[in-house]
């Protein structure tokens, strides 16, 4: 995760160029539950873990 100070306007000088997916990602990556679930996904040995994670968070990945 970036060490940028979210209170600093200068840390977000490119926000006007951001697309909706960029804003959504910035929100999601800061969500503590998402962080916890992602950590569990990385450590998981279950073959269905990725599908569950994608459904829960509404994510799709390019193949």
PDB file of N, CA and C in Angstrom:
ATOM      1  N   UNK A   1       0.837  -1.173   0.000  1.00  0.00           N
ATOM      2  CA  UNK A   1       0.000   0.000   0.000  1.00  0.00           C
ATOM      3  C   UNK A   1       0.884   1.238   0.000  1.00  0.00           C
ATOM      4  N   UNK A   2       0.448   2.240  -0.715  1.00  0.00           N
ATOM      5  CA  UNK A   2       1.206   3.479  -0.818  1.00  0.00           C
ATOM      6  C   UNK A   2       1.305   4.168   0.535  1.00  0.00           C
ATOM      7  N   UNK A   3       2.411   4.844   0.754  1.00  0.00           N
ATOM      8  CA  UNK A   3       2.595   5.585   1.988  1.00  0.00           C
ATOM      9  C   UNK A   3       2.102   7.022   1.887  1.00  0.00           C
ATOM     10  N   UNK A   4       1.379   7.353   0.823  1.00  0.00           N
ATOM     11  CA  UNK A   4       0.894   8.719   0.621  1.00  0.00           C
ATOM     12  C   UNK A   4      -0.056   9.131   1.738  1.00  0.00           C
ATOM     13  N   UNK A   5       0.070  10.361   2.164  1.00  0.00           N
ATOM     14  CA  UNK A   5      -0.817  10.918   3.185  1.00  0.00           C
ATOM     15  C   UNK A   5      -2.136  11.283   2.512  1.00  0.00           C
ATOM     16  N   UNK A   6      -3.220  10.583   2.878  1.00  0.00           N
ATOM     17  CA  UNK A   6      -4.502  10.820   2.229  1.00  0.00           C
ATOM     18  C   UNK A   6      -5.040  12.218   2.498  1.00  0.00           C
ATOM     19  N   UNK A   7      -4.498  12.901   3.481  1.00  0.00           N
ATOM     20  CA  UNK A   7      -4.958  14.258   3.786  1.00  0.00           C
ATOM     21  C   UNK A   7      -4.244  15.311   2.935  1.00  0.00           C
ATOM     22  N   UNK A   8      -3.194  14.900   2.256  1.00  0.00           N
ATOM     23  CA  UNK A   8      -2.388  15.830   1.485  1.00  0.00           C
ATOM     24  C   UNK A   8      -2.913  15.930   0.049  1.00  0.00           C
ATOM     25  N   UNK A   9      -3.352  17.116  -0.329  1.00  0.00           N
ATOM     26  CA  UNK A   9      -3.861  17.344  -1.683  1.00  0.00           C
ATOM     27  C   UNK A   9      -2.793  17.030  -2.738  1.00  0.00           C
ATOM     28  N   UNK A  10      -1.540  17.335  -2.423  1.00  0.00           N
ATOM     29  CA  UNK A  10      -0.475  17.107  -3.398  1.00  0.00           C
ATOM     30  C   UNK A  10      -0.243  15.618  -3.679  1.00  0.00           C
ATOM     31  N   UNK A  11      -0.616  14.753  -2.747  1.00  0.00           N
ATOM     32  CA  UNK A  11      -0.457  13.314  -2.955  1.00  0.00           C
ATOM     33  C   UNK A  11      -1.438  12.779  -3.989  1.00  0.00           C
ATOM     34  N   UNK A  12      -2.453  13.555  -4.298  1.00  0.00           N
ATOM     35  CA  UNK A  12      -3.498  13.112  -5.226  1.00  0.00           C
ATOM     36  C   UNK A  12      -3.666  14.072  -6.394  1.00  0.00           C
ATOM     37  N   UNK A  13      -2.573  14.595  -6.891  1.00  0.00           N
ATOM     38  CA  UNK A  13      -2.644  15.582  -7.969  1.00  0.00           C
ATOM     39  C   UNK A  13      -3.201  14.995  -9.263  1.00  0.00           C
ATOM     40  N   UNK A  14      -3.164  13.693  -9.448  1.00  0.00           N
ATOM     41  CA  UNK A  14      -3.674  13.069 -10.674  1.00  0.00           C
ATOM     42  C   UNK A  14      -5.107  12.572 -10.563  1.00  0.00           C
ATOM     43  N   UNK A  15      -5.770  12.861  -9.462  1.00  0.00           N
ATOM     44  CA  UNK A  15      -7.118  12.309  -9.255  1.00  0.00           C
ATOM     45  C   UNK A  15      -8.108  12.762 -10.339  1.00  0.00           C
ATOM     46  N   UNK A  16      -7.911  13.907 -10.899  1.00  0.00           N
ATOM     47  CA  UNK A  16      -8.822  14.376 -11.956  1.00  0.00           C
ATOM     48  C   UNK A  16      -8.706  13.523 -13.224  1.00  0.00           C
ATOM     49  N   UNK A  17      -7.582  12.835 -13.384  1.00  0.00           N
ATOM     50  CA  UNK A  17      -7.382  11.960 -14.535  1.00  0.00           C
ATOM     51  C   UNK A  17      -7.871  10.534 -14.267  1.00  0.00           C
ATOM     52  N   UNK A  18      -8.240  10.262 -13.031  1.00  0.00           N
ATOM     53  CA  UNK A  18      -8.626   8.907 -12.641  1.00  0.00           C
ATOM     54  C   UNK A  18      -9.971   8.520 -13.243  1.00  0.00           C
ATOM     55  N   UNK A  19     -10.067   7.260 -13.609  1.00  0.00           N
ATOM     56  CA  UNK A  19     -11.314   6.697 -14.101  1.00  0.00           C
ATOM     57  C   UNK A  19     -12.048   6.065 -12.920  1.00  0.00           C
ATOM     58  N   UNK A  20     -13.337   5.767 -13.073  1.00  0.00           N
ATOM     59  CA  UNK A  20     -14.089   5.171 -11.960  1.00  0.00           C
ATOM     60  C   UNK A  20     -13.424   3.919 -11.374  1.00  0.00           C
ATOM     61  N   UNK A  21     -12.860   3.068 -12.220  1.00  0.00           N
ATOM     62  CA  UNK A  21     -12.202   1.860 -11.716  1.00  0.00           C
ATOM     63  C   UNK A  21     -11.001   2.210 -10.838  1.00  0.00           C
ATOM     64  N   UNK A  22     -10.296   3.297 -11.172  1.00  0.00           N
ATOM     65  CA  UNK A  22      -9.151   3.735 -10.362  1.00  0.00           C
ATOM     66  C   UNK A  22      -9.609   4.158  -8.970  1.00  0.00           C
ATOM     67  N   UNK A  23     -10.686   4.921  -8.917  1.00  0.00           N
ATOM     68  CA  UNK A  23     -11.228   5.378  -7.629  1.00  0.00           C
ATOM     69  C   UNK A  23     -11.719   4.186  -6.822  1.00  0.00           C
ATOM     70  N   UNK A  24     -12.416   3.253  -7.480  1.00  0.00           N
ATOM     71  CA  UNK A  24     -12.916   2.061  -6.796  1.00  0.00           C
ATOM     72  C   UNK A  24     -11.770   1.262  -6.193  1.00  0.00           C
ATOM     73  N   UNK A  25     -10.677   1.115  -6.953  1.00  0.00           N
ATOM     74  CA  UNK A  25      -9.535   0.373  -6.454  1.00  0.00           C
ATOM     75  C   UNK A  25      -8.912   1.076  -5.256  1.00  0.00           C
ATOM     76  N   UNK A  26      -8.797   2.384  -5.294  1.00  0.00           N
ATOM     77  CA  UNK A  26      -8.218   3.122  -4.171  1.00  0.00           C
ATOM     78  C   UNK A  26      -9.053   2.928  -2.909  1.00  0.00           C
ATOM     79  N   UNK A  27     -10.367   2.882  -3.065  1.00  0.00           N
ATOM     80  CA  UNK A  27     -11.225   2.638  -1.911  1.00  0.00           C
ATOM     81  C   UNK A  27     -11.045   1.207  -1.424  1.00  0.00           C
ATOM     82  N   UNK A  28     -11.115   0.256  -2.358  1.00  0.00           N
ATOM     83  CA  UNK A  28     -11.087  -1.154  -1.986  1.00  0.00           C
ATOM     84  C   UNK A  28      -9.789  -1.532  -1.293  1.00  0.00           C
ATOM     85  N   UNK A  29      -8.673  -1.079  -1.798  1.00  0.00           N
ATOM     86  CA  UNK A  29      -7.397  -1.499  -1.213  1.00  0.00           C
ATOM     87  C   UNK A  29      -7.186  -0.968   0.198  1.00  0.00           C
ATOM     88  N   UNK A  30      -7.960   0.017   0.598  1.00  0.00           N
ATOM     89  CA  UNK A  30      -7.855   0.554   1.954  1.00  0.00           C
ATOM     90  C   UNK A  30      -8.838  -0.102   2.921  1.00  0.00           C
ATOM     91  N   UNK A  31      -9.753  -0.899   2.396  1.00  0.00           N
ATOM     92  CA  UNK A  31     -10.777  -1.549   3.215  1.00  0.00           C
ATOM     93  C   UNK A  31     -10.132  -2.668   4.037  1.00  0.00           C
ATOM     94  N   UNK A  32     -10.263  -2.598   5.351  1.00  0.00           N
ATOM     95  CA  UNK A  32      -9.594  -3.570   6.226  1.00  0.00           C
ATOM     96  C   UNK A  32     -10.126  -4.993   6.020  1.00  0.00           C
ATOM     97  N   UNK A  33     -11.412  -5.129   5.776  1.00  0.00           N
ATOM     98  CA  UNK A  33     -11.968  -6.466   5.539  1.00  0.00           C
ATOM     99  C   UNK A  33     -11.414  -7.054   4.237  1.00  0.00           C
ATOM    100  N   UNK A  34     -11.294  -6.201   3.203  1.00  0.00           N
ATOM    101  CA  UNK A  34     -10.698  -6.657   1.947  1.00  0.00           C
ATOM    102  C   UNK A  34      -9.254  -7.099   2.184  1.00  0.00           C
ATOM    103  N   UNK A  35      -8.497  -6.305   2.924  1.00  0.00           N
ATOM    104  CA  UNK A  35      -7.107  -6.653   3.208  1.00  0.00           C
ATOM    105  C   UNK A  35      -7.016  -7.994   3.918  1.00  0.00           C
ATOM    106  N   UNK A  36      -7.911  -8.208   4.885  1.00  0.00           N
ATOM    107  CA  UNK A  36      -7.933  -9.461   5.624  1.00  0.00           C
ATOM    108  C   UNK A  36      -8.276 -10.625   4.691  1.00  0.00           C
ATOM    109  N   UNK A  37      -9.318 -10.453   3.871  1.00  0.00           N
ATOM    110  CA  UNK A  37      -9.718 -11.502   2.935  1.00  0.00           C
ATOM    111  C   UNK A  37      -8.627 -11.779   1.902  1.00  0.00           C
ATOM    112  N   UNK A  38      -7.955 -10.740   1.424  1.00  0.00           N
ATOM    113  CA  UNK A  38      -6.884 -10.934   0.455  1.00  0.00           C
ATOM    114  C   UNK A  38      -5.734 -11.722   1.071  1.00  0.00           C
ATOM    115  N   UNK A  39      -5.384 -11.379   2.309  1.00  0.00           N
ATOM    116  CA  UNK A  39      -4.339 -12.124   3.004  1.00  0.00           C
ATOM    117  C   UNK A  39      -4.703 -13.593   3.159  1.00  0.00           C
ATOM    118  N   UNK A  40      -5.962 -13.864   3.490  1.00  0.00           N
ATOM    119  CA  UNK A  40      -6.424 -15.245   3.619  1.00  0.00           C
ATOM    120  C   UNK A  40      -6.392 -15.948   2.268  1.00  0.00           C
ATOM    121  N   UNK A  41      -6.735 -15.232   1.200  1.00  0.00           N
ATOM    122  CA  UNK A  41      -6.694 -15.811  -0.142  1.00  0.00           C
ATOM    123  C   UNK A  41      -5.266 -16.216  -0.514  1.00  0.00           C
ATOM    124  N   UNK A  42      -4.326 -15.348  -0.238  1.00  0.00           N
ATOM    125  CA  UNK A  42      -2.925 -15.620  -0.560  1.00  0.00           C
ATOM    126  C   UNK A  42      -2.433 -16.872   0.184  1.00  0.00           C
ATOM    127  N   UNK A  43      -2.879 -17.040   1.419  1.00  0.00           N
ATOM    128  CA  UNK A  43      -2.424 -18.167   2.231  1.00  0.00           C
ATOM    129  C   UNK A  43      -3.240 -19.436   2.005  1.00  0.00           C
ATOM    130  N   UNK A  44      -4.375 -19.312   1.349  1.00  0.00           N
ATOM    131  CA  UNK A  44      -5.297 -20.439   1.190  1.00  0.00           C
ATOM    132  C   UNK A  44      -4.757 -21.505   0.245  1.00  0.00           C
ATOM    133  N   UNK A  45      -5.073 -22.722   0.557  1.00  0.00           N
ATOM    134  CA  UNK A  45      -4.726 -23.850  -0.308  1.00  0.00           C
ATOM    135  C   UNK A  45      -5.973 -24.358  -1.043  1.00  0.00           C
ATOM    136  N   UNK A  46      -7.145 -23.762  -0.765  1.00  0.00           N
ATOM    137  CA  UNK A  46      -8.394 -24.227  -1.365  1.00  0.00           C
ATOM    138  C   UNK A  46      -8.482 -23.795  -2.819  1.00  0.00           C
ATOM    139  N   UNK A  47      -8.910 -24.708  -3.663  1.00  0.00           N
ATOM    140  CA  UNK A  47      -9.012 -24.398  -5.089  1.00  0.00           C
ATOM    141  C   UNK A  47     -10.170 -23.460  -5.398  1.00  0.00           C
ATOM    142  N   UNK A  48     -11.190 -23.426  -4.537  1.00  0.00           N
ATOM    143  CA  UNK A  48     -12.343 -22.558  -4.790  1.00  0.00           C
ATOM    144  C   UNK A  48     -12.219 -21.194  -4.114  1.00  0.00           C
ATOM    145  N   UNK A  49     -11.096 -20.927  -3.475  1.00  0.00           N
ATOM    146  CA  UNK A  49     -10.931 -19.684  -2.720  1.00  0.00           C
ATOM    147  C   UNK A  49     -10.981 -18.452  -3.622  1.00  0.00           C
ATOM    148  N   UNK A  50     -10.384 -18.532  -4.797  1.00  0.00           N
ATOM    149  CA  UNK A  50     -10.364 -17.374  -5.699  1.00  0.00           C
ATOM    150  C   UNK A  50     -11.770 -17.033  -6.173  1.00  0.00           C
ATOM    151  N   UNK A  51     -12.547 -18.044  -6.530  1.00  0.00           N
ATOM    152  CA  UNK A  51     -13.921 -17.792  -6.972  1.00  0.00           C
ATOM    153  C   UNK A  51     -14.751 -17.148  -5.870  1.00  0.00           C
ATOM    154  N   UNK A  52     -14.614 -17.646  -4.657  1.00  0.00           N
ATOM    155  CA  UNK A  52     -15.351 -17.068  -3.529  1.00  0.00           C
ATOM    156  C   UNK A  52     -14.943 -15.605  -3.309  1.00  0.00           C
ATOM    157  N   UNK A  53     -13.646 -15.359  -3.350  1.00  0.00           N
ATOM    158  CA  UNK A  53     -13.121 -14.006  -3.165  1.00  0.00           C
ATOM    159  C   UNK A  53     -13.670 -13.064  -4.235  1.00  0.00           C
ATOM    160  N   UNK A  54     -13.625 -13.500  -5.494  1.00  0.00           N
ATOM    161  CA  UNK A  54     -14.122 -12.676  -6.602  1.00  0.00           C
ATOM    162  C   UNK A  54     -15.608 -12.371  -6.449  1.00  0.00           C
ATOM    163  N   UNK A  55     -16.382 -13.375  -6.079  1.00  0.00           N
ATOM    164  CA  UNK A  55     -17.827 -13.147  -5.907  1.00  0.00           C
ATOM    165  C   UNK A  55     -18.098 -12.184  -4.753  1.00  0.00           C
ATOM    166  N   UNK A  56     -17.420 -12.395  -3.647  1.00  0.00           N
ATOM    167  CA  UNK A  56     -17.653 -11.550  -2.464  1.00  0.00           C
ATOM    168  C   UNK A  56     -17.352 -10.078  -2.758  1.00  0.00           C
ATOM    169  N   UNK A  57     -16.259  -9.814  -3.467  1.00  0.00           N
ATOM    170  CA  UNK A  57     -15.823  -8.436  -3.697  1.00  0.00           C
ATOM    171  C   UNK A  57     -16.243  -7.885  -5.055  1.00  0.00           C
ATOM    172  N   UNK A  58     -16.942  -8.683  -5.854  1.00  0.00           N
ATOM    173  CA  UNK A  58     -17.425  -8.204  -7.144  1.00  0.00           C
ATOM    174  C   UNK A  58     -16.304  -7.917  -8.128  1.00  0.00           C
ATOM    175  N   UNK A  59     -15.274  -8.750  -8.111  1.00  0.00           N
ATOM    176  CA  UNK A  59     -14.091  -8.517  -8.941  1.00  0.00           C
ATOM    177  C   UNK A  59     -14.066  -9.451 -10.146  1.00  0.00           C
ATOM    178  N   UNK A  60     -13.513  -8.961 -11.203  1.00  0.00           N
ATOM    179  CA  UNK A  60     -13.209  -9.804 -12.363  1.00  0.00           C
ATOM    180  C   UNK A  60     -11.767  -9.533 -12.743  1.00  0.00           C
ATOM    181  N   UNK A  61     -11.135 -10.542 -13.286  1.00  0.00           N
ATOM    182  CA  UNK A  61      -9.741 -10.416 -13.670  1.00  0.00           C
ATOM    183  C   UNK A  61      -9.603 -10.749 -15.136  1.00  0.00           C
ATOM    184  N   UNK A  62      -8.705 -10.081 -15.799  1.00  0.00           N
ATOM    185  CA  UNK A  62      -8.429 -10.391 -17.199  1.00  0.00           C
ATOM    186  C   UNK A  62      -7.722 -11.727 -17.269  1.00  0.00           C
ATOM    187  N   UNK A  63      -8.056 -12.480 -18.306  1.00  0.00           N
ATOM    188  CA  UNK A  63      -7.389 -13.782 -18.458  1.00  0.00           C
ATOM    189  C   UNK A  63      -6.416 -13.752 -19.607  1.00  0.00           C
TER     190      UNK A  63
END
